[in-house]
N, C-alpha and C. Protein backbone atom coordinates (compact mmCIF):
# COMPACT_ATOMS: atom_id res chain seq x y z
N MET A 1 0.84 -1.17 0.00
CA MET A 1 0.00 0.00 0.00
C MET A 1 0.89 1.23 0.00
N THR A 2 0.59 2.19 -0.84
CA THR A 2 1.36 3.42 -0.93
C THR A 2 0.56 4.55 -0.33
N THR A 3 1.15 5.27 0.60
CA THR A 3 0.49 6.42 1.20
C THR A 3 1.44 7.60 1.19
N SER A 4 0.87 8.78 1.17
CA SER A 4 1.70 9.97 1.26
C SER A 4 1.89 10.33 2.72
N ALA A 5 2.85 11.19 2.98
CA ALA A 5 3.09 11.62 4.35
C ALA A 5 1.87 12.41 4.83
N PRO A 6 1.44 12.20 6.07
CA PRO A 6 0.26 12.89 6.56
C PRO A 6 0.53 14.37 6.77
N ALA A 7 -0.52 15.16 6.63
CA ALA A 7 -0.42 16.59 6.93
C ALA A 7 -0.30 16.75 8.44
N GLU A 8 0.26 17.84 8.86
CA GLU A 8 0.41 18.06 10.29
C GLU A 8 -0.78 18.77 10.89
N HIS A 9 -1.65 19.35 10.03
CA HIS A 9 -2.82 20.06 10.50
C HIS A 9 -4.04 19.69 9.65
N CYS A 10 -5.21 19.74 10.28
CA CYS A 10 -6.47 19.47 9.56
C CYS A 10 -6.62 20.51 8.46
N HIS A 11 -6.98 20.07 7.26
CA HIS A 11 -7.11 21.01 6.15
C HIS A 11 -8.37 21.88 6.26
N ARG A 12 -9.30 21.50 7.14
CA ARG A 12 -10.52 22.30 7.34
C ARG A 12 -10.35 23.37 8.41
N CYS A 13 -9.85 22.96 9.60
CA CYS A 13 -9.83 23.88 10.74
C CYS A 13 -8.42 24.26 11.18
N ASP A 14 -7.40 23.64 10.60
CA ASP A 14 -5.99 23.92 10.89
C ASP A 14 -5.56 23.47 12.29
N ARG A 15 -6.36 22.58 12.94
CA ARG A 15 -5.93 22.02 14.22
C ARG A 15 -4.84 20.99 13.97
N PRO A 16 -3.91 20.83 14.93
CA PRO A 16 -2.87 19.81 14.77
C PRO A 16 -3.49 18.41 14.71
N ILE A 17 -2.96 17.57 13.83
CA ILE A 17 -3.42 16.19 13.72
C ILE A 17 -2.50 15.33 14.59
N THR A 18 -3.10 14.63 15.55
CA THR A 18 -2.35 13.74 16.43
C THR A 18 -3.05 12.39 16.42
N PRO A 19 -2.36 11.32 16.79
CA PRO A 19 -3.04 10.02 16.87
C PRO A 19 -4.26 10.13 17.77
N PRO A 20 -5.34 9.49 17.36
CA PRO A 20 -6.62 9.68 18.05
C PRO A 20 -6.66 9.08 19.45
N ALA A 21 -7.37 9.79 20.33
CA ALA A 21 -7.61 9.28 21.68
C ALA A 21 -8.92 8.48 21.70
N ALA A 22 -9.89 8.91 20.91
CA ALA A 22 -11.19 8.25 20.85
C ALA A 22 -11.44 7.74 19.44
N THR A 23 -11.87 6.51 19.32
CA THR A 23 -12.13 5.89 18.03
C THR A 23 -13.62 5.74 17.81
N ALA A 24 -14.13 6.20 16.65
CA ALA A 24 -15.54 6.07 16.32
C ALA A 24 -15.85 4.62 15.90
N ALA A 25 -14.93 4.01 15.18
CA ALA A 25 -15.09 2.64 14.71
C ALA A 25 -13.71 2.11 14.34
N GLY A 26 -13.60 0.81 14.17
CA GLY A 26 -12.33 0.23 13.76
C GLY A 26 -12.48 -1.25 13.45
N HIS A 27 -11.49 -1.77 12.74
CA HIS A 27 -11.49 -3.19 12.41
C HIS A 27 -10.09 -3.63 12.00
N ALA A 28 -9.84 -4.92 12.07
CA ALA A 28 -8.56 -5.48 11.66
C ALA A 28 -8.55 -5.71 10.16
N THR A 29 -7.39 -5.50 9.54
CA THR A 29 -7.19 -5.77 8.12
C THR A 29 -5.91 -6.58 7.98
N SER A 30 -5.58 -6.96 6.76
CA SER A 30 -4.35 -7.72 6.55
C SER A 30 -3.11 -6.88 6.81
N GLU A 31 -3.24 -5.55 6.78
CA GLU A 31 -2.09 -4.67 7.02
C GLU A 31 -2.01 -4.15 8.44
N GLY A 32 -3.05 -4.33 9.23
CA GLY A 32 -3.04 -3.84 10.61
C GLY A 32 -4.45 -3.50 11.05
N VAL A 33 -4.56 -2.57 11.98
CA VAL A 33 -5.86 -2.16 12.52
C VAL A 33 -6.20 -0.78 11.96
N VAL A 34 -7.39 -0.65 11.38
CA VAL A 34 -7.87 0.61 10.84
C VAL A 34 -8.83 1.20 11.87
N ARG A 35 -8.65 2.51 12.16
CA ARG A 35 -9.53 3.21 13.09
C ARG A 35 -10.07 4.46 12.40
N TYR A 36 -11.35 4.70 12.59
CA TYR A 36 -12.02 5.86 12.01
C TYR A 36 -12.30 6.85 13.13
N THR A 37 -11.88 8.09 12.94
CA THR A 37 -12.08 9.13 13.94
C THR A 37 -12.56 10.39 13.24
N ARG A 38 -12.82 11.40 14.03
CA ARG A 38 -13.18 12.71 13.49
C ARG A 38 -12.39 13.78 14.22
N CYS A 39 -11.99 14.79 13.48
CA CYS A 39 -11.36 15.97 14.06
C CYS A 39 -12.44 16.71 14.86
N GLY A 40 -12.05 17.63 15.69
CA GLY A 40 -13.01 18.43 16.44
C GLY A 40 -13.97 19.19 15.56
N CYS A 41 -13.57 19.50 14.32
CA CYS A 41 -14.44 20.22 13.39
C CYS A 41 -15.39 19.28 12.65
N GLY A 42 -15.22 17.96 12.84
CA GLY A 42 -16.09 17.00 12.17
C GLY A 42 -15.47 16.32 10.97
N ASN A 43 -14.29 16.74 10.56
CA ASN A 43 -13.61 16.16 9.40
C ASN A 43 -13.22 14.71 9.70
N PRO A 44 -13.61 13.74 8.86
CA PRO A 44 -13.26 12.34 9.12
C PRO A 44 -11.78 12.06 8.88
N GLN A 45 -11.23 11.15 9.66
CA GLN A 45 -9.84 10.73 9.51
C GLN A 45 -9.79 9.21 9.60
N ILE A 46 -8.90 8.60 8.84
CA ILE A 46 -8.72 7.15 8.85
C ILE A 46 -7.28 6.88 9.24
N TRP A 47 -7.08 6.07 10.30
CA TRP A 47 -5.75 5.75 10.82
C TRP A 47 -5.45 4.28 10.61
N LEU A 48 -4.20 3.96 10.29
CA LEU A 48 -3.75 2.58 10.18
C LEU A 48 -2.61 2.35 11.17
N THR A 49 -2.76 1.37 12.04
CA THR A 49 -1.67 0.93 12.90
C THR A 49 -1.20 -0.39 12.31
N PRO A 50 -0.03 -0.40 11.66
CA PRO A 50 0.46 -1.61 10.99
C PRO A 50 0.67 -2.77 11.94
N VAL A 51 0.67 -3.98 11.39
CA VAL A 51 0.86 -5.18 12.20
C VAL A 51 2.24 -5.24 12.83
N GLU A 52 3.20 -4.46 12.33
CA GLU A 52 4.54 -4.44 12.91
C GLU A 52 4.57 -3.62 14.20
N PHE A 53 3.42 -3.08 14.61
CA PHE A 53 3.30 -2.31 15.84
C PHE A 53 4.07 -1.01 15.80
N ASP A 54 4.13 -0.40 14.60
CA ASP A 54 4.70 0.93 14.46
C ASP A 54 3.69 1.96 14.97
N ALA A 55 4.10 3.19 14.97
CA ALA A 55 3.18 4.28 15.35
C ALA A 55 2.06 4.37 14.33
N ALA A 56 0.89 4.80 14.79
CA ALA A 56 -0.25 4.98 13.89
C ALA A 56 0.06 6.06 12.88
N ARG A 57 -0.47 5.89 11.66
CA ARG A 57 -0.29 6.91 10.64
C ARG A 57 -1.64 7.23 10.02
N LEU A 58 -1.81 8.46 9.61
CA LEU A 58 -3.05 8.94 9.02
C LEU A 58 -3.10 8.54 7.56
N LEU A 59 -4.17 7.87 7.14
CA LEU A 59 -4.32 7.45 5.74
C LEU A 59 -5.15 8.42 4.94
N HIS A 60 -6.14 9.03 5.57
CA HIS A 60 -7.05 9.93 4.85
C HIS A 60 -7.50 11.03 5.79
N ARG A 61 -7.55 12.24 5.28
CA ARG A 61 -8.06 13.35 6.09
C ARG A 61 -9.12 14.09 5.33
């Protein structure tokens, strides 16, 4: 899977993007655990925590 480097701020409200504290939903995949969250402004975010137990990375903002 190819992903670009995540932005450091939400493109809607310019708040810093950090790994989520609260998860709206999530599930396991062949590449790791996918978690769906929302920024404080409501913008959806998709996080992937790889099976190698690396730090979570933002897939979509």
